[in-house]
C-alpha atoms as a PDB file:
ATOM      1  CA  MET A   1      50.012  35.648  -0.238  1.00  0.00           C
ATOM      2  CA  GLU A   2      52.726  34.622   2.196  1.00  0.00           C
ATOM      3  CA  ARG A   3      55.974  36.626   2.060  1.00  0.00           C
ATOM      4  CA  VAL A   4      59.028  34.488   2.797  1.00  0.00           C
ATOM      5  CA  CYS A   5      62.536  35.755   3.505  1.00  0.00           C
ATOM      6  CA  PHE A   6      65.426  33.426   4.229  1.00  0.00           C
ATOM      7  CA  GLN A   7      69.158  33.426   4.839  1.00  0.00           C
ATOM      8  CA  LEU A   8      71.996  31.134   3.789  1.00  0.00           C
ATOM      9  CA  GLN A   9      75.772  31.502   3.750  1.00  0.00           C
ATOM     10  CA  VAL A  10      77.656  30.951   0.499  1.00  0.00           C
ATOM     11  CA  ILE A  11      81.241  29.817   1.000  1.00  0.00           C
ATOM     12  CA  PRO A  12      83.223  33.009   0.273  1.00  0.00           C
ATOM     13  CA  GLU A  13      85.630  31.247  -2.102  1.00  0.00           C
ATOM     14  CA  ARG A  14      82.631  29.957  -4.129  1.00  0.00           C
ATOM     15  CA  ILE A  15      80.747  33.265  -4.535  1.00  0.00           C
ATOM     16  CA  GLU A  16      81.712  33.748  -8.177  1.00  0.00           C
ATOM     17  CA  GLU A  17      80.600  30.222  -9.035  1.00  0.00           C
ATOM     18  CA  TYR A  18      77.307  30.859  -7.225  1.00  0.00           C
ATOM     19  CA  ARG A  19      76.766  34.017  -9.287  1.00  0.00           C
ATOM     20  CA  GLU A  20      77.603  32.216 -12.536  1.00  0.00           C
ATOM     21  CA  ARG A  21      75.154  29.407 -11.843  1.00  0.00           C
ATOM     22  CA  HIS A  22      72.372  31.888 -11.151  1.00  0.00           C
ATOM     23  CA  ALA A  23      73.129  33.789 -14.330  1.00  0.00           C
ATOM     24  CA  ALA A  24      72.102  30.614 -16.191  1.00  0.00           C
ATOM     25  CA  VAL A  25      69.390  28.886 -14.141  1.00  0.00           C
ATOM     26  CA  TRP A  26      68.037  25.906 -16.037  1.00  0.00           C
ATOM     27  CA  PRO A  27      64.755  26.706 -17.849  1.00  0.00           C
ATOM     28  CA  GLU A  28      63.235  23.534 -16.368  1.00  0.00           C
ATOM     29  CA  MET A  29      64.080  24.789 -12.863  1.00  0.00           C
ATOM     30  CA  LEU A  30      62.522  28.191 -13.549  1.00  0.00           C
ATOM     31  CA  ARG A  31      59.376  26.497 -14.831  1.00  0.00           C
ATOM     32  CA  ALA A  32      59.192  24.247 -11.748  1.00  0.00           C
ATOM     33  CA  LEU A  33      59.481  27.232  -9.398  1.00  0.00           C
ATOM     34  CA  ARG A  34      56.670  29.056 -11.165  1.00  0.00           C
ATOM     35  CA  GLU A  35      54.457  25.962 -11.289  1.00  0.00           C
ATOM     36  CA  THR A  36      54.862  25.254  -7.561  1.00  0.00           C
ATOM     37  CA  GLY A  37      53.992  28.741  -6.349  1.00  0.00           C
ATOM     38  CA  TRP A  38      57.271  30.654  -6.064  1.00  0.00           C
ATOM     39  CA  HIS A  39      56.423  34.210  -7.124  1.00  0.00           C
ATOM     40  CA  ASN A  40      58.396  37.451  -7.075  1.00  0.00           C
ATOM     41  CA  TYR A  41      61.504  35.416  -6.138  1.00  0.00           C
ATOM     42  CA  SER A  42      64.756  37.325  -5.593  1.00  0.00           C
ATOM     43  CA  LEU A  43      68.183  36.482  -4.203  1.00  0.00           C
ATOM     44  CA  PHE A  44      70.552  39.081  -2.745  1.00  0.00           C
ATOM     45  CA  LEU A  45      74.231  38.286  -2.131  1.00  0.00           C
ATOM     46  CA  ARG A  46      76.615  40.270   0.028  1.00  0.00           C
ATOM     47  CA  ASP A  47      80.352  40.290  -0.762  1.00  0.00           C
ATOM     48  CA  ASP A  48      81.089  38.046   2.250  1.00  0.00           C
ATOM     49  CA  GLY A  49      78.635  35.370   1.047  1.00  0.00           C
ATOM     50  CA  LEU A  50      75.569  36.271   3.095  1.00  0.00           C
ATOM     51  CA  LEU A  51      72.625  35.310   0.906  1.00  0.00           C
ATOM     52  CA  ILE A  52      69.134  36.662   1.479  1.00  0.00           C
ATOM     53  CA  GLY A  53      66.253  35.216  -0.491  1.00  0.00           C
ATOM     54  CA  TYR A  54      62.712  36.525  -0.813  1.00  0.00           C
ATOM     55  CA  PHE A  55      59.614  35.166  -2.498  1.00  0.00           C
ATOM     56  CA  GLU A  56      55.862  35.266  -2.249  1.00  0.00           C
ATOM     57  CA  THR A  57      53.679  32.171  -2.279  1.00  0.00           C
ATOM     58  CA  PRO A  58      50.127  31.151  -1.502  1.00  0.00           C
ATOM     59  CA  SER A  59      51.570  28.465   0.823  1.00  0.00           C
ATOM     60  CA  LEU A  60      55.178  27.917   1.879  1.00  0.00           C
ATOM     61  CA  ASP A  61      54.479  24.293   2.776  1.00  0.00           C
ATOM     62  CA  GLU A  62      52.953  23.621  -0.650  1.00  0.00           C
ATOM     63  CA  ALA A  63      55.744  25.502  -2.463  1.00  0.00           C
ATOM     64  CA  LEU A  64      58.427  23.475  -0.668  1.00  0.00           C
ATOM     65  CA  SER A  65      56.660  20.134  -1.022  1.00  0.00           C
ATOM     66  CA  GLY A  66      55.908  20.825  -4.685  1.00  0.00           C
ATOM     67  CA  MET A  67      59.571  21.454  -5.400  1.00  0.00           C
ATOM     68  CA  ALA A  68      60.631  18.433  -3.332  1.00  0.00           C
ATOM     69  CA  GLU A  69      58.689  16.255  -5.788  1.00  0.00           C
ATOM     70  CA  ARG A  70      60.526  17.610  -8.846  1.00  0.00           C
ATOM     71  CA  ASP A  71      63.546  15.764 -10.190  1.00  0.00           C
ATOM     72  CA  VAL A  72      65.018  19.010 -11.520  1.00  0.00           C
ATOM     73  CA  ASN A  73      64.971  20.433  -8.003  1.00  0.00           C
ATOM     74  CA  ARG A  74      66.725  17.378  -6.554  1.00  0.00           C
ATOM     75  CA  ARG A  75      69.470  17.770  -9.187  1.00  0.00           C
ATOM     76  CA  TRP A  76      69.743  21.549  -8.659  1.00  0.00           C
ATOM     77  CA  GLN A  77      69.899  21.258  -4.865  1.00  0.00           C
ATOM     78  CA  ALA A  78      72.553  18.531  -5.055  1.00  0.00           C
ATOM     79  CA  GLU A  79      74.746  20.739  -7.239  1.00  0.00           C
ATOM     80  CA  MET A  80      74.194  23.879  -5.176  1.00  0.00           C
ATOM     81  CA  ALA A  81      74.664  22.296  -1.728  1.00  0.00           C
ATOM     82  CA  GLU A  82      78.453  22.266  -2.074  1.00  0.00           C
ATOM     83  CA  LEU A  83      78.462  26.075  -2.349  1.00  0.00           C
ATOM     84  CA  PHE A  84      76.983  26.692   1.119  1.00  0.00           C
ATOM     85  CA  GLU A  85      78.302  26.654   4.679  1.00  0.00           C
ATOM     86  CA  ASP A  86      76.549  25.150   7.688  1.00  0.00           C
ATOM     87  CA  LEU A  87      73.824  23.096   6.011  1.00  0.00           C
ATOM     88  CA  GLY A  88      74.423  20.145   8.308  1.00  0.00           C
ATOM     89  CA  GLY A  89      73.703  17.685   5.524  1.00  0.00           C
ATOM     90  CA  ALA A  90      70.438  19.375   4.514  1.00  0.00           C
ATOM     91  CA  ARG A  91      69.676  20.582   1.013  1.00  0.00           C
ATOM     92  CA  PRO A  92      69.757  24.375   0.577  1.00  0.00           C
ATOM     93  CA  ASP A  93      65.982  24.502   0.049  1.00  0.00           C
ATOM     94  CA  SER A  94      65.399  22.931   3.457  1.00  0.00           C
ATOM     95  CA  GLY A  95      68.509  24.127   5.319  1.00  0.00           C
ATOM     96  CA  PHE A  96      67.888  27.848   5.154  1.00  0.00           C
ATOM     97  CA  THR A  97      67.095  30.051   8.132  1.00  0.00           C
ATOM     98  CA  ARG A  98      63.745  31.755   7.726  1.00  0.00           C
ATOM     99  CA  LEU A  99      63.641  35.397   8.785  1.00  0.00           C
ATOM    100  CA  HIS A 100      60.472  36.669  10.436  1.00  0.00           C
ATOM    101  CA  GLU A 101      58.758  39.709   9.030  1.00  0.00           C
ATOM    102  CA  VAL A 102      58.371  42.547  11.519  1.00  0.00           C
ATOM    103  CA  PHE A 103      57.125  45.286   9.194  1.00  0.00           C
ATOM    104  CA  HIS A 104      55.559  45.590   5.766  1.00  0.00           C
ATOM    105  CA  LEU A 105      54.534  48.898   4.233  1.00  0.00           C
ATOM    106  CA  GLY A 106      50.812  48.545   3.697  1.00  0.00           C
ATOM    107  CA  ASP A 107      50.229  46.356   6.754  1.00  0.00           C
ATOM    108  CA  GLU A 108      50.894  49.078   9.318  1.00  0.00           C
ATOM    109  CA  GLN A 109      48.008  50.059  11.544  1.00  0.00           C
ATOM    110  CA  THR A 110      46.135  53.215  10.626  1.00  0.00           C
ATOM    111  CA  SER A 111      46.152  54.383  14.231  1.00  0.00           C
ATOM    112  CA  ASP A 112      49.973  54.256  14.371  1.00  0.00           C
ATOM    113  CA  THR A 113      50.464  56.283  11.197  1.00  0.00           C
ATOM    114  CA  SER A 114      47.815  58.844  12.158  1.00  0.00           C
ATOM    115  CA  ARG A 115      49.831  59.613  15.331  1.00  0.00           C
ATOM    116  CA  GLY A 116      53.008  59.988  13.298  1.00  0.00           C
ATOM    117  CA  ALA A 117      54.636  56.929  14.867  1.00  0.00           C
ATOM    118  CA  PRO A 118      58.056  56.161  13.366  1.00  0.00           C
ATOM    119  CA  THR A 119      58.311  53.120  11.113  1.00  0.00           C
ATOM    120  CA  THR A 120      61.982  52.300  11.602  1.00  0.00           C
END
């Protein structure tokens, strides 16, 4: 399972609207995400609009291409795009900055933990 973390910037004046839309995600959109391999999906929003997303998937490429084929995703992305800064004309689902994982509890090397090496 691939763990994916990404970052976007919500326009600060649109944060409340962003929250409201995610309090009522369309059932068809939720179904599409599940069907295309988006698992354990979470979004975290800071008060200044910094958005961090996380999900797990068997394949990021397949998850993205699967959603790109769904009409519901095209409609959702078109509506959401106006809420973000710095997309450069891209849709939010292709304009995000992926963050690279540097540590995951459970993946650490046994030799490091046996020596008491710090994890932070």
